Structure formats: structure tokens, C-alpha cells
């Protein structure tokens, strides 16, 4: 991107401004907006005119009773003032994604000015990767920059098809996209060993491909969260009412066998913090993860597991963390996830490279206040997952 001459050019930038809003349409976490600032500032500081497009939410899935889009709820207008504050300059907005008005406004911009166009998902052709829509989007810019890693795994008009309408020298990844790819590649290609992957979350089925891929090249694989109990049951453990995918028991057994055959150390939590109900106020106690009473469920890893996992993390040189160790949204069951966040941060301070990727683990590391103590926090949940699985992402492929 730093090889492109932006002077007096209209620069169409696909950003990922899919940020959470509260009931008053106020942004509750602006991480993704801040992550795009280096790219936007570089463009406008070098005389470019930045035309930003993004999606926000899932407007087509939450239509109004009459079948129309809830434009008031999902409009990008909600983000204009905050971006203006972040850039310390006015930001213009147009209430259409493509069309005569949007194109006219893109031409009226002066060098150094910023325009946000309306939510790309207000357009029916966006998720279909529609050629006509992409061609109309291309009318908004002389140069195309894709800086939306969080949507790089979607073959949408604004992330993929639009790139076809720009010559190779007039399109590029933004700085955020470059950082995401570079940091993921530090784990995937020639990592400093030992390499430890910490995988959590609710379901094995969500991360089958990731687990299979990781067993091919990690030294240690730590499995926590709800998915751990499917592995426990596959080993003949009693897991009470803990979350389990009975149709994935054979798969869990095969993954355990594959890890053993590859010489990968697969660690499951020796003990669990269990509860008699799925509630923060539930009765709780610590027990062996393979001997959970019939009416109890595991909602977090126990102290022994924390100690064992932390020790492995401390002795690692490269770390990948994807998914929480328990129901960290409940304060009484957040200790395991917080301890892992601290262990990853401590290892990083001692020289390890750490990549945190995936929505819940990112939320956990942000919540614990340790985001600046790890090497890199990815902005892309599903995209990072697919990239680590070895898939070619449409948003990346389109630029090449």
C-alpha cells in the first residue's frame, strides 16, 4: 500500500466497522475502528480522498414486520461522529451505498477528506458477490484498498468481486490486513518452538478443521471450554450435565489418537469448576473433570488445570489462543480464562510470540485488560479461524 501514489485519488476502502452498539446506538467497543486508522490516515495524509464502505450487523436477517430493512438500526450514520473524533476532522456521510448521489459525493471530495457510504448489506447483491453491484462500487474510487480482514472469508461484492474492477497497481491490502496475515504466518510458517495452541469454546464441531490442522504442526495442544467434555466422555469419563456432542465422540477419539501418533502433547483439564445450574449464582465446587456428578455441569477449568496449562504456556516460545476456557461471561466462572490470559501475557513478556484470534478469546483478553501485553490480537474471528485452517480466503485471493 505504501507504494501507491494517493495524491488527488479517490480511494475506495473496505473497512470492517462492524462494531457493537447499545440500545442508544452508541458504540460499546471501537477496537475495529481504531485498527483501521493507520490505513485511513496514510491515505488522507498523502493527499488521497478516502471513501469508506463497511457492513454493520445483519440487516437482512432482522427485517421489520413489513419486510423492509431497519435502516435506522443498521445505518452507518451511527459511526460518523465517533470516526470524526478518532481522526480529529469532519467525516461526511451519504445515505446510499452506490448510486448517483454516492458517486457525485466521491467526486466532490477534496484531498484529505473522508466519506462513509451506507451499510453494504442494505444491498441485496452484497452477500451474493453480485457483479453489477461490485461494478457500481468501483465507480466510487480510482484505487481499491481492502483492509477488512474480519470479512476476508466472505466472497461478497465489497470484499472480493469489486477487486476485479481495478488494475493490479491500483489495488492493495491495507496495513491492518497486512498485519493480520503477517502475524498469522508467524504461527503457521517456521514458528519458534515449542509451539502451543490453546483452543477453547463450546463445540468441537466448530473447530474440527482447526484441531486437525494444529495436530499436524504444534508441540502442545491445550483443549478447554465446553468442547473439552466431548473429549472427556470419549475417554470414558463421567461428565454429568456438561456440554457434549455425542455425535462427535468418535472424532474426539481419533483426534486423541492422531495427537499421540504425531507426538503432540494433548492436554485436557484435570479438574473442573462445576455448577448445579447454568447460572452465575449456581452452587459450585471443584471436581475431577472425568468424575462429574450426574446433575452437575462443568463451567470452567479448575485450579489444577490452571496450574498445568499455565506451566506449559510459560515454557512455550510461540502461542496461539482461540476460545475461552469456560463461561467467562459469568464472573464466578471466569477465573480459568483470566488465568490463561495472564499466562499468555507473562510468556509474551518473557519473549514468546503470542497470537490471540477469535471473538471470545479477544473479548476475554480485552476484558482482562491484557490486550497490550500479548503480541497480536486479531480483529477477525471467523476469518482468522479459516486462515489458520489453511483455507484460501476469498478476500485475499481476489487481490492476487
Protein backbone atom coordinates (compact mmCIF):
# COMPACT_ATOMS: atom_id res chain seq x y z
CA UNK A 1 0.00 0.00 0.00
CA UNK A 2 2.84 2.42 0.74
CA UNK A 3 3.96 2.09 -2.92
CA UNK A 4 0.71 3.61 -4.26
CA UNK A 5 0.50 7.32 -5.12
CA UNK A 6 -2.74 8.51 -3.49
CA UNK A 7 -2.40 12.21 -4.36
CA UNK A 8 -5.79 13.54 -5.53
CA UNK A 9 -7.10 9.98 -5.99
CA UNK A 10 -10.46 8.68 -4.78
CA UNK A 11 -9.56 5.68 -2.63
CA UNK A 12 -12.32 3.14 -2.01
CA UNK A 13 -11.50 1.40 1.28
CA UNK A 14 -13.34 -1.68 2.52
CA UNK A 15 -13.05 -1.41 6.29
CA UNK A 16 -14.56 -3.64 8.97
CA UNK A 17 -16.63 -1.26 11.09
CA UNK A 18 -19.00 -3.99 12.27
CA UNK A 19 -18.87 -2.70 15.85
CA UNK A 20 -21.28 -3.43 18.72
CA UNK A 21 -23.88 -0.75 19.52
CA UNK A 22 -26.04 -0.36 22.63
CA UNK A 23 -29.76 0.46 22.70
CA UNK A 24 -28.98 4.14 22.14
CA UNK A 25 -26.83 3.30 19.10
CA UNK A 26 -23.64 4.21 20.96
CA UNK A 27 -20.50 2.20 20.15
CA UNK A 28 -19.53 -0.09 23.05
CA UNK A 29 -16.23 -1.33 21.58
CA UNK A 30 -14.41 0.64 18.87
CA UNK A 31 -11.44 -1.78 18.51
CA UNK A 32 -12.14 -2.43 14.83
CA UNK A 33 -12.45 1.27 14.02
CA UNK A 34 -9.17 2.07 15.76
CA UNK A 35 -7.48 -0.80 13.94
CA UNK A 36 -8.30 0.83 10.57
CA UNK A 37 -6.93 4.27 11.49
CA UNK A 38 -3.35 3.75 10.21
CA UNK A 39 -4.65 2.89 6.74
CA UNK A 40 -7.13 5.79 6.62
CA UNK A 41 -4.59 8.29 7.96
CA UNK A 42 -1.94 7.17 5.47
CA UNK A 43 -4.34 7.75 2.58
CA UNK A 44 -5.53 11.20 3.64
CA UNK A 45 -2.05 12.30 4.80
CA UNK A 46 -0.79 11.50 1.29
CA UNK A 47 -3.45 13.58 -0.45
CA UNK A 48 -5.99 10.85 -1.05
CA UNK A 49 -9.78 11.08 -0.71
CA UNK A 50 -10.97 8.19 1.45
CA UNK A 51 -14.34 6.62 0.63
CA UNK A 52 -15.08 4.04 3.32
CA UNK A 53 -17.53 1.15 2.97
CA UNK A 54 -18.44 -1.46 5.57
CA UNK A 55 -21.26 -3.68 6.75
CA UNK A 56 -22.89 -3.34 10.17
CA UNK A 57 -24.85 -6.20 11.70
CA UNK A 58 -27.18 -8.49 9.76
CA UNK A 59 -29.96 -6.24 8.47
CA UNK A 60 -31.37 -8.87 6.08
CA UNK A 61 -31.83 -11.30 8.99
CA UNK A 62 -33.66 -8.77 11.19
CA UNK A 63 -36.25 -7.19 8.91
CA UNK A 64 -39.12 -5.03 10.14
CA UNK A 65 -42.65 -6.56 10.34
CA UNK A 66 -43.46 -5.17 6.87
CA UNK A 67 -40.44 -6.99 5.43
CA UNK A 68 -38.30 -3.88 4.95
CA UNK A 69 -34.77 -3.21 6.25
CA UNK A 70 -34.49 -1.50 9.63
CA UNK A 71 -32.38 1.35 8.26
CA UNK A 72 -32.46 3.32 11.48
CA UNK A 73 -30.95 0.44 13.46
CA UNK A 74 -28.26 -0.62 10.99
CA UNK A 75 -27.21 2.65 9.37
CA UNK A 76 -23.52 3.56 9.37
CA UNK A 77 -24.56 7.10 10.25
CA UNK A 78 -24.22 5.95 13.88
CA UNK A 79 -20.45 5.71 13.40
CA UNK A 80 -19.76 9.06 11.72
CA UNK A 81 -19.28 11.24 14.81
CA UNK A 82 -17.00 8.74 16.53
CA UNK A 83 -14.79 8.32 13.46
CA UNK A 84 -14.65 12.10 13.22
CA UNK A 85 -13.37 12.21 16.81
CA UNK A 86 -10.79 9.49 16.14
CA UNK A 87 -9.49 11.29 13.04
CA UNK A 88 -9.89 14.78 14.57
CA UNK A 89 -11.55 16.01 11.38
CA UNK A 90 -15.02 16.11 9.79
CA UNK A 91 -16.34 12.90 8.20
CA UNK A 92 -19.02 13.04 5.52
CA UNK A 93 -21.83 10.51 5.11
CA UNK A 94 -24.09 9.52 2.21
CA UNK A 95 -27.26 7.51 2.81
CA UNK A 96 -26.73 5.14 -0.12
CA UNK A 97 -24.06 2.51 -0.75
CA UNK A 98 -23.89 3.02 -4.52
CA UNK A 99 -25.68 5.29 -6.97
CA UNK A 100 -25.62 8.78 -8.41
CA UNK A 101 -25.57 10.56 -5.05
CA UNK A 102 -22.71 8.46 -3.65
CA UNK A 103 -20.67 8.76 -6.85
CA UNK A 104 -21.25 12.53 -7.01
CA UNK A 105 -20.11 12.94 -3.39
CA UNK A 106 -16.98 10.87 -4.04
CA UNK A 107 -16.06 13.28 -6.85
CA UNK A 108 -16.74 16.35 -4.70
CA UNK A 109 -14.26 15.34 -2.01
CA UNK A 110 -11.08 17.34 -1.65
CA UNK A 111 -7.71 15.70 -0.90
CA UNK A 112 -7.57 14.63 2.76
CA UNK A 113 -11.35 14.32 3.17
CA UNK A 114 -13.28 11.22 4.31
CA UNK A 115 -16.69 9.90 3.24
CA UNK A 116 -18.61 6.92 4.66
CA UNK A 117 -21.16 5.29 2.35
CA UNK A 118 -24.19 3.41 3.69
CA UNK A 119 -24.17 -0.19 5.01
CA UNK A 120 -23.11 -2.56 2.21
CA UNK A 121 -25.58 -5.17 3.47
CA UNK A 122 -28.50 -2.89 2.62
CA UNK A 123 -27.77 -4.09 -0.93
CA UNK A 124 -29.31 -7.48 -1.80
CA UNK A 125 -26.37 -8.31 -4.07
CA UNK A 126 -23.66 -7.79 -1.44
CA UNK A 127 -23.62 -11.29 0.06
CA UNK A 128 -24.09 -12.86 -3.38
CA UNK A 129 -20.93 -11.20 -4.70
CA UNK A 130 -23.06 -9.56 -7.39
CA UNK A 131 -21.08 -8.29 -10.40
CA UNK A 132 -23.32 -5.27 -11.13
CA UNK A 133 -23.19 -4.12 -7.53
CA UNK A 134 -19.41 -4.54 -7.48
CA UNK A 135 -19.10 -2.56 -10.71
CA UNK A 136 -21.20 0.24 -9.18
CA UNK A 137 -18.98 0.19 -6.08
CA UNK A 138 -15.90 0.50 -8.29
CA UNK A 139 -17.34 3.76 -9.68
CA UNK A 140 -16.66 5.29 -6.25
CA UNK A 141 -12.87 5.01 -6.42
CA UNK A 142 -9.76 5.22 -8.56
CA UNK A 143 -7.92 2.89 -6.17
CA UNK A 144 -9.25 -0.02 -4.06
CA UNK A 145 -7.86 -0.91 -0.64
CA UNK A 146 -9.14 -3.94 1.28
CA UNK A 147 -8.45 -3.52 4.99
CA UNK A 148 -11.33 -5.69 6.28
CA UNK A 149 -9.67 -8.88 7.48
CA UNK A 150 -12.75 -9.71 9.59
CA UNK A 151 -14.74 -10.30 6.38
CA UNK A 152 -11.95 -11.71 4.19
CA UNK A 153 -13.52 -15.17 4.39
CA UNK A 154 -16.70 -13.90 2.70
CA UNK A 155 -16.94 -13.75 -1.10
CA UNK A 156 -19.05 -10.59 -1.01
CA UNK A 157 -19.27 -7.83 -3.58
CA UNK A 158 -17.42 -5.28 -1.41
CA UNK A 159 -14.69 -7.66 -0.23
CA UNK A 160 -13.99 -9.77 -3.29
CA UNK A 161 -15.82 -9.07 -6.57
CA UNK A 162 -15.07 -5.33 -6.58
CA UNK A 163 -11.32 -6.05 -6.73
CA UNK A 164 -11.79 -7.37 -10.27
CA UNK A 165 -12.59 -3.84 -11.47
CA UNK A 166 -9.19 -2.39 -10.51
CA UNK A 167 -5.82 -2.94 -12.17
CA UNK A 168 -3.17 -4.70 -10.10
CA UNK A 169 -1.25 -1.46 -9.45
CA UNK A 170 -4.48 0.27 -8.30
CA UNK A 171 -5.41 -2.15 -5.52
CA UNK A 172 -3.80 -3.34 -2.32
CA UNK A 173 -4.30 -4.65 1.18
CA UNK A 174 -4.44 -2.03 3.92
CA UNK A 175 -2.00 -2.01 6.83
CA UNK A 176 -4.36 -3.92 9.13
CA UNK A 177 -4.86 -6.69 6.57
CA UNK A 178 -1.09 -6.93 6.10
CA UNK A 179 -0.53 -7.18 9.87
CA UNK A 180 -3.17 -9.89 10.24
CA UNK A 181 -1.62 -12.05 7.53
CA UNK A 182 1.97 -11.48 8.73
CA UNK A 183 1.12 -12.38 12.34
CA UNK A 184 -0.87 -15.49 11.39
CA UNK A 185 2.03 -16.61 9.23
CA UNK A 186 4.38 -16.37 12.22
CA UNK A 187 2.38 -19.23 13.74
CA UNK A 188 1.83 -21.19 10.52
CA UNK A 189 5.27 -20.94 8.91
CA UNK A 190 8.53 -21.55 10.74
CA UNK A 191 7.39 -20.73 14.31
CA UNK A 192 9.91 -20.66 17.15
CA UNK A 193 9.36 -23.80 19.21
CA UNK A 194 7.87 -25.07 21.42
CA UNK A 195 4.57 -24.03 19.80
CA UNK A 196 1.46 -24.30 21.96
CA UNK A 197 -2.13 -23.85 20.78
CA UNK A 198 -4.82 -23.15 23.37
CA UNK A 199 -8.26 -23.95 21.95
CA UNK A 200 -11.48 -23.36 23.85
CA UNK A 201 -15.10 -22.59 23.18
CA UNK A 202 -18.30 -24.56 23.26
CA UNK A 203 -18.22 -27.08 20.42
CA UNK A 204 -15.75 -29.45 18.82
CA UNK A 205 -17.82 -29.22 15.62
CA UNK A 206 -16.96 -25.50 15.27
CA UNK A 207 -13.24 -26.24 15.29
CA UNK A 208 -12.77 -29.70 13.76
CA UNK A 209 -10.66 -28.46 10.85
CA UNK A 210 -8.59 -26.22 13.11
CA UNK A 211 -7.87 -29.04 15.57
CA UNK A 212 -6.90 -31.43 12.77
CA UNK A 213 -4.61 -28.83 11.21
CA UNK A 214 -2.98 -27.90 14.54
CA UNK A 215 -2.15 -31.50 15.41
CA UNK A 216 -0.01 -31.56 12.24
CA UNK A 217 2.40 -28.90 13.47
CA UNK A 218 2.04 -27.89 17.16
CA UNK A 219 4.05 -29.30 20.06
CA UNK A 220 1.31 -28.86 22.67
CA UNK A 221 -2.45 -28.66 22.20
CA UNK A 222 -4.45 -27.42 25.19
CA UNK A 223 -8.21 -28.02 24.93
CA UNK A 224 -10.57 -26.26 27.33
CA UNK A 225 -14.07 -24.82 27.40
CA UNK A 226 -17.24 -26.79 26.71
CA UNK A 227 -15.58 -28.78 23.92
CA UNK A 228 -13.25 -30.49 26.44
CA UNK A 229 -16.13 -32.59 27.82
CA UNK A 230 -16.70 -34.31 24.49
CA UNK A 231 -13.07 -35.46 24.72
CA UNK A 232 -13.58 -36.48 28.37
CA UNK A 233 -16.62 -38.58 27.52
CA UNK A 234 -14.80 -40.14 24.58
CA UNK A 235 -12.19 -41.34 27.12
CA UNK A 236 -14.90 -42.92 29.26
CA UNK A 237 -15.25 -40.10 31.78
CA UNK A 238 -18.44 -39.15 33.63
CA UNK A 239 -19.26 -35.57 32.69
CA UNK A 240 -22.70 -35.11 34.31
CA UNK A 241 -24.76 -32.47 32.51
CA UNK A 242 -21.73 -30.80 30.92
CA UNK A 243 -21.96 -29.72 27.30
CA UNK A 244 -21.27 -32.65 24.99
CA UNK A 245 -21.62 -33.50 21.31
CA UNK A 246 -22.41 -37.21 21.34
CA UNK A 247 -22.13 -37.42 17.55
CA UNK A 248 -18.51 -36.22 17.79
CA UNK A 249 -17.23 -38.79 20.31
CA UNK A 250 -15.57 -40.93 17.62
CA UNK A 251 -13.97 -37.85 16.13
CA UNK A 252 -12.61 -36.80 19.54
CA UNK A 253 -11.12 -40.28 19.98
CA UNK A 254 -9.49 -40.07 16.54
CA UNK A 255 -8.01 -36.64 17.34
CA UNK A 256 -6.57 -38.03 20.59
CA UNK A 257 -5.05 -40.97 18.64
CA UNK A 258 -3.70 -38.66 15.94
CA UNK A 259 -2.03 -36.42 18.54
CA UNK A 260 -0.38 -39.45 20.16
CA UNK A 261 0.83 -40.74 16.79
CA UNK A 262 2.31 -37.32 15.91
CA UNK A 263 3.99 -36.92 19.30
CA UNK A 264 1.80 -33.93 20.16
CA UNK A 265 1.04 -33.43 23.84
CA UNK A 266 -2.76 -33.02 24.08
CA UNK A 267 -3.82 -31.57 27.42
CA UNK A 268 -7.36 -31.68 28.81
CA UNK A 269 -8.36 -30.06 32.13
CA UNK A 270 -7.69 -32.48 35.01
CA UNK A 271 -10.28 -30.74 37.16
CA UNK A 272 -13.29 -28.52 36.57
CA UNK A 273 -15.28 -25.89 38.42
CA UNK A 274 -18.77 -27.38 38.22
CA UNK A 275 -22.23 -25.95 38.89
CA UNK A 276 -25.70 -27.35 39.59
CA UNK A 277 -27.25 -24.94 37.04
CA UNK A 278 -26.19 -22.76 34.13
CA UNK A 279 -26.16 -19.58 36.19
CA UNK A 280 -23.63 -17.25 37.79
CA UNK A 281 -25.47 -17.74 41.10
CA UNK A 282 -25.42 -21.56 40.93
CA UNK A 283 -23.86 -23.74 43.63
CA UNK A 284 -20.31 -24.57 42.62
CA UNK A 285 -17.49 -26.91 43.57
CA UNK A 286 -14.29 -28.31 42.09
CA UNK A 287 -14.09 -31.93 40.97
CA UNK A 288 -12.20 -34.24 38.62
CA UNK A 289 -13.25 -33.50 35.03
CA UNK A 290 -13.89 -37.21 34.48
CA UNK A 291 -15.95 -37.69 37.63
CA UNK A 292 -18.66 -35.03 37.48
CA UNK A 293 -21.85 -35.92 39.38
CA UNK A 294 -24.99 -36.62 37.40
CA UNK A 295 -26.78 -33.28 37.98
CA UNK A 296 -23.71 -31.02 37.73
CA UNK A 297 -22.01 -29.38 34.76
CA UNK A 298 -18.51 -28.09 34.10
CA UNK A 299 -18.46 -24.32 33.51
CA UNK A 300 -14.75 -23.56 33.98
CA UNK A 301 -11.39 -25.27 34.35
CA UNK A 302 -10.21 -25.97 37.92
CA UNK A 303 -7.08 -24.92 39.83
CA UNK A 304 -5.04 -27.98 38.87
CA UNK A 305 -5.82 -27.41 35.19
CA UNK A 306 -4.93 -23.71 35.52
CA UNK A 307 -1.58 -24.64 37.06
CA UNK A 308 -0.78 -27.31 34.47
CA UNK A 309 -1.86 -25.21 31.47
CA UNK A 310 0.00 -22.13 32.77
CA UNK A 311 3.20 -24.15 33.17
CA UNK A 312 3.05 -25.36 29.56
CA UNK A 313 2.29 -21.83 28.33
CA UNK A 314 5.18 -20.38 30.35
CA UNK A 315 7.62 -22.79 28.66
CA UNK A 316 6.40 -22.04 25.11
CA UNK A 317 8.05 -19.79 22.53
CA UNK A 318 5.03 -19.39 20.22
CA UNK A 319 1.41 -19.28 21.40
CA UNK A 320 -1.93 -19.34 19.62
CA UNK A 321 -5.05 -18.79 21.70
CA UNK A 322 -8.53 -19.26 20.26
CA UNK A 323 -11.53 -19.61 22.58
CA UNK A 324 -12.22 -19.23 26.32
CA UNK A 325 -11.69 -21.90 28.98
CA UNK A 326 -15.17 -21.56 30.47
CA UNK A 327 -18.28 -19.42 30.66
CA UNK A 328 -16.20 -16.30 31.26
CA UNK A 329 -19.25 -14.04 30.85
CA UNK A 330 -20.24 -15.28 34.35
CA UNK A 331 -17.87 -13.68 36.89
CA UNK A 332 -17.89 -16.81 39.07
CA UNK A 333 -16.68 -18.92 36.14
CA UNK A 334 -14.14 -16.54 34.58
CA UNK A 335 -11.08 -17.48 36.66
CA UNK A 336 -9.79 -20.09 34.20
CA UNK A 337 -10.00 -17.84 31.16
CA UNK A 338 -8.45 -14.92 33.08
CA UNK A 339 -5.61 -17.13 34.30
CA UNK A 340 -4.85 -18.28 30.76
CA UNK A 341 -4.89 -14.65 29.58
CA UNK A 342 -2.39 -13.80 32.32
CA UNK A 343 -0.19 -16.80 31.49
CA UNK A 344 -0.12 -15.85 27.79
CA UNK A 345 0.73 -12.23 28.74
CA UNK A 346 3.50 -13.37 31.10
CA UNK A 347 5.01 -15.68 28.47
CA UNK A 348 4.93 -12.79 25.96
CA UNK A 349 6.77 -10.51 28.38
CA UNK A 350 9.41 -13.26 28.64
CA UNK A 351 9.96 -13.29 24.88
CA UNK A 352 7.29 -15.59 23.42
CA UNK A 353 5.25 -14.59 20.36
CA UNK A 354 1.51 -14.74 21.08
CA UNK A 355 -1.41 -14.50 18.70
CA UNK A 356 -4.93 -14.19 20.13
CA UNK A 357 -7.56 -14.87 17.48
CA UNK A 358 -11.29 -15.49 17.66
CA UNK A 359 -14.11 -13.33 19.00
CA UNK A 360 -14.48 -14.78 22.51
CA UNK A 361 -10.78 -15.00 23.34
CA UNK A 362 -10.32 -11.46 22.03
CA UNK A 363 -13.20 -10.31 24.26
CA UNK A 364 -11.61 -12.16 27.18
CA UNK A 365 -8.16 -10.63 26.72
CA UNK A 366 -9.73 -7.17 26.35
CA UNK A 367 -11.88 -7.70 29.44
CA UNK A 368 -8.86 -8.73 31.49
CA UNK A 369 -7.00 -5.58 30.41
CA UNK A 370 -4.13 -7.59 28.91
CA UNK A 371 -4.62 -6.88 25.20
CA UNK A 372 -1.49 -4.71 25.09
CA UNK A 373 0.54 -7.44 26.85
CA UNK A 374 0.26 -10.01 24.04
CA UNK A 375 1.98 -9.83 20.65
CA UNK A 376 -1.08 -9.55 18.44
CA UNK A 377 -4.84 -9.54 18.89
CA UNK A 378 -6.68 -10.40 15.67
CA UNK A 379 -9.74 -8.42 14.58
CA UNK A 380 -11.10 -11.36 12.59
CA UNK A 381 -12.84 -14.25 14.33
CA UNK A 382 -14.11 -16.48 11.51
CA UNK A 383 -11.52 -15.16 9.06
CA UNK A 384 -8.60 -15.93 11.37
CA UNK A 385 -10.04 -19.36 12.09
CA UNK A 386 -10.28 -20.21 8.38
CA UNK A 387 -6.83 -18.76 7.65
CA UNK A 388 -5.29 -20.94 10.38
CA UNK A 389 -7.19 -23.95 8.99
CA UNK A 390 -5.23 -23.43 5.80
CA UNK A 391 -8.12 -22.19 3.67
CA UNK A 392 -7.58 -19.61 0.93
CA UNK A 393 -9.73 -16.63 1.89
CA UNK A 394 -11.72 -15.07 -0.99
CA UNK A 395 -10.85 -11.52 0.10
CA UNK A 396 -7.14 -12.34 -0.08
CA UNK A 397 -7.33 -14.40 -3.25
CA UNK A 398 -9.18 -11.60 -5.09
CA UNK A 399 -6.29 -9.16 -4.56
CA UNK A 400 -3.86 -11.57 -6.20
